[in-house]
Protein backbone atom coordinates (compact mmCIF):
# COMPACT_ATOMS: atom_id res chain seq x y z
CA UNK A 1 64.86 -13.16 -24.73
CA UNK A 2 60.62 -13.18 -25.15
CA UNK A 3 60.42 -12.65 -20.73
CA UNK A 4 58.11 -15.67 -19.36
CA UNK A 5 54.46 -15.24 -19.52
CA UNK A 6 53.24 -15.84 -16.00
CA UNK A 7 49.97 -14.17 -16.52
CA UNK A 8 47.66 -17.19 -16.77
CA UNK A 9 45.37 -16.40 -20.27
CA UNK A 10 42.45 -17.93 -18.19
CA UNK A 11 41.60 -17.91 -14.66
CA UNK A 12 42.87 -20.64 -12.55
CA UNK A 13 39.62 -20.27 -10.14
CA UNK A 14 36.60 -22.34 -10.99
CA UNK A 15 34.47 -19.50 -12.68
CA UNK A 16 31.09 -20.58 -10.42
CA UNK A 17 33.21 -19.54 -7.71
CA UNK A 18 32.03 -15.93 -6.90
CA UNK A 19 34.82 -12.49 -8.49
CA UNK A 20 35.53 -8.89 -7.52
CA UNK A 21 33.67 -8.71 -11.40
CA UNK A 22 29.90 -10.31 -9.63
CA UNK A 23 27.47 -8.06 -8.55
CA UNK A 24 27.29 -7.64 -4.63
CA UNK A 25 24.91 -10.08 -3.15
CA UNK A 26 21.57 -8.87 -1.94
CA UNK A 27 21.41 -7.53 1.04
CA UNK A 28 17.75 -9.42 2.70
CA UNK A 29 16.00 -8.14 5.28
CA UNK A 30 16.08 -9.27 8.63
CA UNK A 31 13.31 -11.97 10.25
CA UNK A 32 13.16 -9.27 13.33
CA UNK A 33 12.79 -6.25 11.60
CA UNK A 34 9.77 -8.07 9.46
CA UNK A 35 8.27 -8.13 12.93
CA UNK A 36 8.27 -4.43 13.89
CA UNK A 37 7.23 -3.02 10.64
CA UNK A 38 4.38 -5.42 10.40
CA UNK A 39 3.46 -3.91 14.21
CA UNK A 40 4.30 -0.86 13.48
CA UNK A 41 1.61 -1.18 10.93
CA UNK A 42 -0.55 -2.55 12.93
CA UNK A 43 -0.65 -0.35 15.57
CA UNK A 44 -0.83 2.85 14.59
CA UNK A 45 -3.54 5.23 14.92
CA UNK A 46 -6.29 2.53 15.65
CA UNK A 47 -5.16 1.81 19.29
CA UNK A 48 -6.74 4.87 21.01
CA UNK A 49 -10.74 3.86 19.54
CA UNK A 50 -9.91 0.93 21.00
CA UNK A 51 -11.27 1.29 24.56
CA UNK A 52 -14.63 3.50 22.96
CA UNK A 53 -15.81 -0.03 21.29
CA UNK A 54 -15.10 -1.80 25.19
CA UNK A 55 -17.84 0.96 26.35
CA UNK A 56 -20.18 0.24 23.53
CA UNK A 57 -19.89 -2.82 22.95
CA UNK A 58 -19.06 -4.58 26.96
CA UNK A 59 -16.07 -6.52 27.28
CA UNK A 60 -16.46 -9.99 26.06
CA UNK A 61 -18.08 -8.84 23.44
CA UNK A 62 -14.60 -6.13 22.63
CA UNK A 63 -12.71 -9.45 23.09
CA UNK A 64 -14.09 -12.02 21.07
CA UNK A 65 -13.76 -9.23 18.20
CA UNK A 66 -10.78 -8.24 18.52
CA UNK A 67 -9.41 -12.03 19.56
CA UNK A 68 -12.14 -12.96 15.95
CA UNK A 69 -10.17 -10.29 13.16
CA UNK A 70 -6.60 -10.66 14.40
CA UNK A 71 -7.57 -13.92 12.91
CA UNK A 72 -9.10 -13.79 10.46
CA UNK A 73 -6.39 -10.54 9.31
CA UNK A 74 -3.83 -13.07 10.05
CA UNK A 75 -5.74 -15.62 7.95
CA UNK A 76 -5.92 -12.58 4.88
CA UNK A 77 -2.60 -11.94 4.71
CA UNK A 78 -2.41 -15.62 3.80
CA UNK A 79 -4.53 -15.80 1.51
CA UNK A 80 -2.54 -12.65 -0.11
CA UNK A 81 1.15 -13.40 0.30
CA UNK A 82 -0.16 -17.46 -1.51
CA UNK A 83 -1.65 -15.73 -3.97
CA UNK A 84 1.42 -12.97 -5.18
CA UNK A 85 4.21 -15.89 -4.40
CA UNK A 86 2.29 -18.29 -7.02
CA UNK A 87 2.21 -15.68 -9.41
CA UNK A 88 4.64 -13.06 -11.44
CA UNK A 89 2.99 -10.42 -8.80
CA UNK A 90 5.31 -8.83 -6.40
CA UNK A 91 3.08 -6.27 -4.96
CA UNK A 92 -0.34 -6.31 -3.61
CA UNK A 93 -1.75 -4.16 -7.20
CA UNK A 94 0.25 -6.50 -9.35
CA UNK A 95 -1.83 -9.92 -8.28
CA UNK A 96 -5.13 -7.89 -7.69
CA UNK A 97 -4.51 -6.52 -12.30
CA UNK A 98 -3.46 -10.69 -12.50
CA UNK A 99 -6.84 -11.59 -10.37
CA UNK A 100 -9.47 -8.57 -11.65
CA UNK A 101 -7.53 -6.87 -14.74
CA UNK A 102 -6.41 -3.37 -14.68
CA UNK A 103 -9.80 -2.08 -12.37
CA UNK A 104 -8.27 -4.43 -9.63
CA UNK A 105 -4.44 -2.51 -9.44
CA UNK A 106 -6.32 0.65 -9.92
CA UNK A 107 -9.60 0.53 -7.20
CA UNK A 108 -6.42 -1.17 -4.85
CA UNK A 109 -3.46 1.52 -5.35
CA UNK A 110 -6.81 4.27 -4.93
CA UNK A 111 -7.59 2.28 -1.74
CA UNK A 112 -4.75 2.31 -0.15
CA UNK A 113 -3.49 6.00 -1.01
CA UNK A 114 -6.29 6.72 0.28
CA UNK A 115 -5.88 4.94 3.93
CA UNK A 116 -2.40 5.74 3.77
CA UNK A 117 -2.56 9.35 3.38
CA UNK A 118 -5.97 9.94 5.20
CA UNK A 119 -4.10 8.28 7.80
CA UNK A 120 -0.69 10.21 7.52
CA UNK A 121 -3.26 13.31 8.12
CA UNK A 122 -4.74 11.98 10.94
CA UNK A 123 -1.32 11.28 12.69
CA UNK A 124 -0.43 14.55 12.60
CA UNK A 125 -3.26 16.07 12.80
CA UNK A 126 -2.86 13.86 16.65
CA UNK A 127 0.52 15.02 17.24
CA UNK A 128 -0.22 18.97 16.66
CA UNK A 129 -2.61 18.52 19.88
CA UNK A 130 -0.93 16.83 21.35
CA UNK A 131 2.11 19.14 21.20
CA UNK A 132 -0.29 22.42 20.84
CA UNK A 133 -3.39 21.68 21.80
CA UNK A 134 -6.90 21.91 20.56
CA UNK A 135 -10.19 23.44 21.09
CA UNK A 136 -13.57 21.39 20.56
CA UNK A 137 -16.80 21.95 21.73
CA UNK A 138 -15.51 25.61 22.90
CA UNK A 139 -13.42 23.52 25.74
CA UNK A 140 -9.64 24.77 24.72
CA UNK A 141 -6.48 21.43 25.45
CA UNK A 142 -3.70 23.15 25.87
CA UNK A 143 -0.35 21.14 24.27
CA UNK A 144 2.41 20.02 26.33
CA UNK A 145 4.13 22.74 25.04
CA UNK A 146 1.97 24.84 26.29
CA UNK A 147 1.99 23.97 29.61
CA UNK A 148 5.71 23.04 30.53
CA UNK A 149 6.19 26.21 28.43
CA UNK A 150 3.66 28.41 28.03
CA UNK A 151 2.17 29.77 24.66
CA UNK A 152 4.23 31.24 22.37
CA UNK A 153 4.94 31.72 18.69
CA UNK A 154 6.98 29.37 18.16
CA UNK A 155 4.67 25.96 19.77
CA UNK A 156 2.06 26.46 18.06
CA UNK A 157 0.33 23.79 16.01
CA UNK A 158 1.72 25.94 12.41
CA UNK A 159 5.22 25.66 14.04
CA UNK A 160 5.40 22.59 15.87
CA UNK A 161 4.56 20.46 13.45
CA UNK A 162 6.61 22.36 11.05
CA UNK A 163 9.76 21.40 12.73
CA UNK A 164 8.46 17.90 13.41
CA UNK A 165 8.25 17.59 9.69
CA UNK A 166 12.02 18.68 7.97
CA UNK A 167 13.92 17.05 11.23
CA UNK A 168 11.95 14.57 11.78
CA UNK A 169 9.91 13.26 9.06
CA UNK A 170 11.67 14.22 6.39
CA UNK A 171 15.05 12.36 6.71
CA UNK A 172 13.00 9.10 7.76
CA UNK A 173 10.97 9.12 4.51
CA UNK A 174 14.33 9.48 2.50
CA UNK A 175 14.63 5.48 3.52
CA UNK A 176 14.59 4.32 -0.07
CA UNK A 177 13.92 0.61 1.83
CA UNK A 178 11.61 -0.33 4.24
CA UNK A 179 13.98 -2.32 7.16
CA UNK A 180 15.53 0.48 7.00
CA UNK A 181 13.10 1.67 9.37
CA UNK A 182 12.90 -1.57 11.64
CA UNK A 183 14.69 -0.05 14.67
CA UNK A 184 12.80 3.13 14.28
CA UNK A 185 9.32 0.59 14.41
CA UNK A 186 11.08 -1.15 17.20
CA UNK A 187 11.34 2.19 19.06
CA UNK A 188 7.45 3.11 17.96
CA UNK A 189 6.40 -0.47 19.40
CA UNK A 190 8.24 -0.47 22.73
CA UNK A 191 6.98 2.66 22.89
CA UNK A 192 3.17 1.49 22.09
CA UNK A 193 4.06 -1.08 24.97
CA UNK A 194 5.21 1.24 27.41
CA UNK A 195 1.55 3.13 27.31
CA UNK A 196 -0.08 0.16 27.80
CA UNK A 197 1.89 -0.64 30.39
CA UNK A 198 1.18 2.74 32.25
CA UNK A 199 -2.12 2.39 31.87
CA UNK A 200 -2.12 -0.70 33.60
CA UNK A 201 -0.41 0.55 36.70
CA UNK A 202 -3.19 3.78 37.30
CA UNK A 203 -5.68 0.88 36.11
CA UNK A 204 -5.06 -0.92 39.30
CA UNK A 205 -4.04 1.52 41.63
CA UNK A 206 -6.90 3.25 40.97
CA UNK A 207 -8.33 -0.57 41.36
CA UNK A 208 -6.54 -1.41 44.84
CA UNK A 209 -7.86 2.60 45.82
CA UNK A 210 -11.69 1.71 44.95
CA UNK A 211 -11.27 4.69 42.71
CA UNK A 212 -12.09 2.19 38.92
CA UNK A 213 -15.99 2.26 37.02
CA UNK A 214 -17.77 -1.12 36.91
CA UNK A 215 -17.59 -1.78 33.60
CA UNK A 216 -19.95 -3.10 31.35
CA UNK A 217 -19.56 -7.50 30.07
CA UNK A 218 -21.96 -6.72 27.17
CA UNK A 219 -23.73 -3.55 25.89
CA UNK A 220 -27.24 -2.46 27.15
CA UNK A 221 -29.79 -3.44 25.18
CA UNK A 222 -32.37 -1.36 26.57
CA UNK A 223 -32.36 1.35 24.48
CA UNK A 224 -34.18 -0.18 20.72
CA UNK A 225 -31.75 -2.11 20.14
CA UNK A 226 -29.59 0.95 19.06
CA UNK A 227 -26.43 -1.06 21.23
CA UNK A 228 -26.61 -3.72 18.88
CA UNK A 229 -26.28 -2.01 15.28
CA UNK A 230 -23.98 0.30 17.59
CA UNK A 231 -21.99 -3.17 17.59
CA UNK A 232 -21.36 -2.74 13.13
CA UNK A 233 -20.41 0.64 13.54
CA UNK A 234 -17.72 -0.28 16.29
CA UNK A 235 -16.00 -3.25 14.57
CA UNK A 236 -14.42 -1.37 11.48
CA UNK A 237 -12.71 0.34 14.06
CA UNK A 238 -11.23 -2.24 15.50
CA UNK A 239 -11.15 -3.88 11.64
CA UNK A 240 -8.80 -0.80 10.81
CA UNK A 241 -6.41 -1.22 14.20
CA UNK A 242 -5.73 -4.91 12.42
CA UNK A 243 -5.08 -3.25 8.60
CA UNK A 244 -1.41 -3.19 7.76
CA UNK A 245 -1.66 -5.84 4.49
CA UNK A 246 -0.38 -2.33 2.35
CA UNK A 247 2.40 -3.18 4.29
CA UNK A 248 2.99 -6.94 2.99
CA UNK A 249 4.52 -6.69 -0.29
CA UNK A 250 7.17 -4.21 1.24
CA UNK A 251 8.20 -6.63 3.85
CA UNK A 252 7.91 -9.48 2.38
CA UNK A 253 9.87 -9.24 -1.16
CA UNK A 254 12.81 -7.56 1.73
CA UNK A 255 13.10 -10.99 3.34
CA UNK A 256 15.13 -14.13 1.61
CA UNK A 257 12.36 -15.76 0.87
CA UNK A 258 9.30 -14.30 1.10
CA UNK A 259 6.53 -16.13 2.88
CA UNK A 260 8.74 -15.99 5.84
CA UNK A 261 6.41 -12.48 6.50
CA UNK A 262 3.64 -14.91 7.56
CA UNK A 263 5.20 -16.37 10.20
CA UNK A 264 6.29 -12.87 11.20
CA UNK A 265 2.58 -11.69 10.73
CA UNK A 266 1.68 -14.19 13.25
CA UNK A 267 4.00 -12.83 15.63
CA UNK A 268 3.38 -9.01 15.67
CA UNK A 269 -1.07 -10.71 15.31
CA UNK A 270 -1.02 -11.80 18.55
CA UNK A 271 1.03 -9.32 20.25
CA UNK A 272 -1.03 -6.70 18.69
CA UNK A 273 -4.33 -7.78 20.36
CA UNK A 274 -2.34 -8.72 23.38
CA UNK A 275 -2.13 -4.65 22.73
CA UNK A 276 -5.37 -4.37 22.02
CA UNK A 277 -6.86 -6.37 24.36
CA UNK A 278 -5.16 -4.92 27.62
CA UNK A 279 -5.19 -0.97 26.74
CA UNK A 280 -9.49 -1.95 25.44
CA UNK A 281 -10.00 -2.89 29.56
CA UNK A 282 -7.17 -1.11 31.68
CA UNK A 283 -8.50 1.97 30.04
CA UNK A 284 -12.33 1.20 30.31
CA UNK A 285 -11.70 0.06 33.46
CA UNK A 286 -9.26 3.42 34.77
CA UNK A 287 -12.77 5.83 32.91
CA UNK A 288 -15.69 3.80 33.26
CA UNK A 289 -18.78 5.29 30.45
CA UNK A 290 -16.65 8.84 30.79
CA UNK A 291 -13.64 7.40 27.96
CA UNK A 292 -13.50 8.95 25.49
CA UNK A 293 -13.85 8.52 21.16
CA UNK A 294 -10.03 9.47 21.44
CA UNK A 295 -8.90 8.28 25.79
CA UNK A 296 -5.54 9.92 24.86
CA UNK A 297 -8.55 13.07 25.59
CA UNK A 298 -8.51 11.25 28.76
CA UNK A 299 -5.56 11.42 30.08
CA UNK A 300 -5.21 15.59 29.05
CA UNK A 301 -7.80 15.65 32.05
CA UNK A 302 -5.78 17.42 35.07
CA UNK A 303 -4.21 14.57 37.84
CA UNK A 304 -4.80 14.86 41.49
CA UNK A 305 -0.90 14.03 41.94
CA UNK A 306 1.97 15.44 40.95
CA UNK A 307 2.83 11.43 39.86
CA UNK A 308 -0.41 11.38 38.12
CA UNK A 309 0.29 14.49 35.99
CA UNK A 310 3.73 13.33 35.33
CA UNK A 311 2.09 9.05 33.92
CA UNK A 312 -0.12 11.47 32.01
CA UNK A 313 2.47 13.55 30.07
CA UNK A 314 4.62 10.17 29.42
CA UNK A 315 1.59 8.70 27.70
CA UNK A 316 0.66 11.75 25.77
CA UNK A 317 4.48 12.13 24.88
CA UNK A 318 5.11 8.12 24.62
CA UNK A 319 2.33 7.94 22.26
CA UNK A 320 2.68 11.19 20.22
CA UNK A 321 6.09 9.85 18.84
CA UNK A 322 5.08 6.38 18.88
CA UNK A 323 2.65 7.77 15.75
CA UNK A 324 5.52 10.32 14.73
CA UNK A 325 7.43 6.96 13.42
CA UNK A 326 4.18 5.42 12.26
CA UNK A 327 4.41 7.17 9.50
CA UNK A 328 7.45 6.76 7.71
CA UNK A 329 5.86 3.05 7.35
CA UNK A 330 2.46 4.49 5.77
CA UNK A 331 4.20 6.93 3.30
CA UNK A 332 6.35 4.67 2.58
CA UNK A 333 3.29 2.53 0.67
CA UNK A 334 1.46 5.57 -0.56
CA UNK A 335 4.87 6.19 -2.57
CA UNK A 336 5.07 2.80 -3.68
CA UNK A 337 0.97 2.82 -4.99
CA UNK A 338 1.49 5.77 -6.22
CA UNK A 339 4.30 5.40 -7.64
CA UNK A 340 3.14 2.30 -9.41
CA UNK A 341 -0.19 3.76 -10.45
CA UNK A 342 0.83 6.84 -12.40
CA UNK A 343 5.09 5.46 -14.23
CA UNK A 344 3.85 1.05 -14.27
CA UNK A 345 6.53 0.69 -17.02
CA UNK A 346 9.34 1.73 -15.82
CA UNK A 347 12.56 0.89 -13.13
CA UNK A 348 12.55 0.40 -9.52
CA UNK A 349 11.78 3.31 -7.63
CA UNK A 350 14.64 3.19 -5.62
CA UNK A 351 16.35 3.41 -8.74
CA UNK A 352 14.78 6.72 -10.20
CA UNK A 353 16.11 9.37 -8.15
CA UNK A 354 13.99 12.38 -10.46
CA UNK A 355 10.87 10.00 -9.33
CA UNK A 356 12.07 9.26 -6.03
CA UNK A 357 12.33 13.02 -4.75
CA UNK A 358 8.87 13.84 -7.25
CA UNK A 359 6.87 12.47 -5.31
CA UNK A 360 8.80 12.03 -1.71
CA UNK A 361 8.59 16.48 -1.13
CA UNK A 362 4.76 16.98 -2.84
CA UNK A 363 2.96 14.57 -0.99
CA UNK A 364 5.18 15.23 2.44
CA UNK A 365 4.02 18.95 1.56
CA UNK A 366 0.70 18.25 0.77
CA UNK A 367 0.06 16.37 3.64
CA UNK A 368 1.49 19.54 5.45
CA UNK A 369 -0.63 22.05 4.90
CA UNK A 370 -3.44 18.70 5.35
CA UNK A 371 -3.49 18.69 8.30
CA UNK A 372 -2.22 23.05 8.72
CA UNK A 373 -5.62 23.58 6.95
CA UNK A 374 -8.19 20.55 8.32
CA UNK A 375 -8.24 20.53 12.05
CA UNK A 376 -11.27 17.73 12.29
CA UNK A 377 -12.07 14.69 9.31
CA UNK A 378 -13.28 12.44 12.38
CA UNK A 379 -16.60 12.23 10.36
CA UNK A 380 -15.16 11.64 7.23
CA UNK A 381 -12.99 8.73 7.94
CA UNK A 382 -15.57 7.03 10.20
CA UNK A 383 -17.52 6.96 6.65
CA UNK A 384 -13.35 5.12 4.96
CA UNK A 385 -13.32 3.13 7.89
CA UNK A 386 -16.09 1.53 7.10
CA UNK A 387 -15.31 0.76 3.50
CA UNK A 388 -11.56 1.47 2.56
CA UNK A 389 -9.46 -0.72 5.73
CA UNK A 390 -12.42 -3.63 5.72
CA UNK A 391 -11.27 -3.99 1.32
CA UNK A 392 -8.28 -4.10 2.19
CA UNK A 393 -8.44 -6.50 4.48
CA UNK A 394 -10.82 -8.56 3.95
CA UNK A 395 -12.60 -7.61 0.55
CA UNK A 396 -9.85 -8.15 -1.90
CA UNK A 397 -7.79 -11.50 -0.42
CA UNK A 398 -11.33 -12.86 0.27
CA UNK A 399 -12.05 -12.16 -3.34
CA UNK A 400 -8.32 -13.54 -4.92
CA UNK A 401 -8.88 -16.28 -3.00
CA UNK A 402 -12.50 -16.87 -4.91
CA UNK A 403 -10.94 -16.18 -8.05
CA UNK A 404 -8.54 -18.40 -8.09
CA UNK A 405 -6.46 -17.60 -11.46
CA UNK A 406 -3.80 -19.61 -10.65
CA UNK A 407 -5.45 -23.11 -9.50
CA UNK A 408 -3.64 -22.47 -5.68
CA UNK A 409 -6.87 -22.29 -3.65
CA UNK A 410 -8.36 -25.52 -1.64
CA UNK A 411 -11.81 -25.81 -0.55
CA UNK A 412 -11.83 -25.22 3.00
CA UNK A 413 -10.13 -22.07 1.60
CA UNK A 414 -12.54 -20.71 -0.18
CA UNK A 415 -15.20 -21.54 2.28
CA UNK A 416 -13.42 -18.98 5.27
CA UNK A 417 -13.15 -16.63 1.74
CA UNK A 418 -16.50 -16.74 1.40
CA UNK A 419 -17.48 -16.40 4.71
CA UNK A 420 -14.90 -13.62 5.51
CA UNK A 421 -16.65 -12.21 2.19
CA UNK A 422 -20.28 -12.36 2.78
CA UNK A 423 -19.10 -11.00 7.31
CA UNK A 424 -17.02 -7.86 6.10
CA UNK A 425 -20.09 -6.69 2.90
CA UNK A 426 -22.30 -7.04 5.22
CA UNK A 427 -21.06 -4.79 8.57
CA UNK A 428 -19.76 -2.30 6.40
CA UNK A 429 -23.47 -2.25 5.01
CA UNK A 430 -25.13 -2.07 8.25
CA UNK A 431 -21.48 0.06 9.37
CA UNK A 432 -22.28 2.82 6.72
CA UNK A 433 -26.22 2.79 6.84
CA UNK A 434 -25.84 3.45 10.45
CA UNK A 435 -23.21 5.88 10.92
CA UNK A 436 -25.56 8.09 8.14
CA UNK A 437 -28.64 7.95 10.88
CA UNK A 438 -26.71 8.42 13.36
CA UNK A 439 -24.96 12.01 11.61
CA UNK A 440 -28.57 12.87 10.20
CA UNK A 441 -29.61 12.83 13.96
CA UNK A 442 -27.30 14.47 14.61
CA UNK A 443 -27.34 17.63 12.17
CA UNK A 444 -31.17 17.50 13.07
CA UNK A 445 -30.69 17.92 16.73
């Protein structure tokens, strides 16, 4: 006798219901993670140059420029993501290709790679300075390791950076999704906040004790108008401090709705503008006209008390760790743009181990060697900041809106984009000219 067939020929469940054979649901990034990743992309090394901008421009113009550039950065981010979603692209280079063809995509890829790789080198140099010290103008600045343990072979710049690259940077840059960096970004942002709190406390204590410097509310215009042109050289410093657009697409397209990144961006820009304003104001009150281009060097000076020395060390340590945790975000954008430039028709980098490791290790090694070989590249990036970051943050997004290949730009958006484009180009030209003039004057002197 034939046994009863207990297994049905057709499944007894709804075909539309999920089954074991259906692919797993795609994981999406969190909104909080997006806020921390965007905020960490904003607050990089630029925070240390904000007090110098206050010294050059005065308090009121500096605060005004921070507010204006923060608003423009938020607007340009909106331009960029709305134009992206309206088309078929999922990257910055992709939306530029839709608007301007292959030259447009290559332009944004090259500039983004120069900015991110250059910033990674600068971060590494600063970390080396904080840990192992440096020598500028015949003045020796001891690093934290020398100050704590004395000078040894293992706390020289080479071995300090080698340890950081091998045991901190390498594990972080091997993350294949930017959302995996949300925790490190949160820690990095909180460390930047700690720097602001300590600076504020030191400034308030100095104010109570009558040791603060008298800040200028407006620039000094009694020097033949030089301060007027310094307005245009200081502005790119603040623009650089608000350049995060190269990480907008990686963060946005890991969310369930890519346009959610605009809400995260709005929160991040407000937070960072507040941090920049507090940092600039309190550090300028604390150091006055002695404020250096990199205010971290002011905290390197010896303090009159053990508590002051301890706070100075905490500031330097927290800032160094902050930069260490920003580094992998920049590397993520650098690697993605380089891969898109070299292998535009290949499968996703996340799914190709050969390409992933083949790009990750050479980039990391090149950055390490550059940080060791190049002691000071500030002049180079002073010119670069006047062009590349302005292009990424303002010129390219405005040009996309004006090009309007998808027909979604409103008249109001076109007017705002036109003003943004004109201001960005004019500011860059004046800043480059002033930088060249200042550089030639320094060389002749």
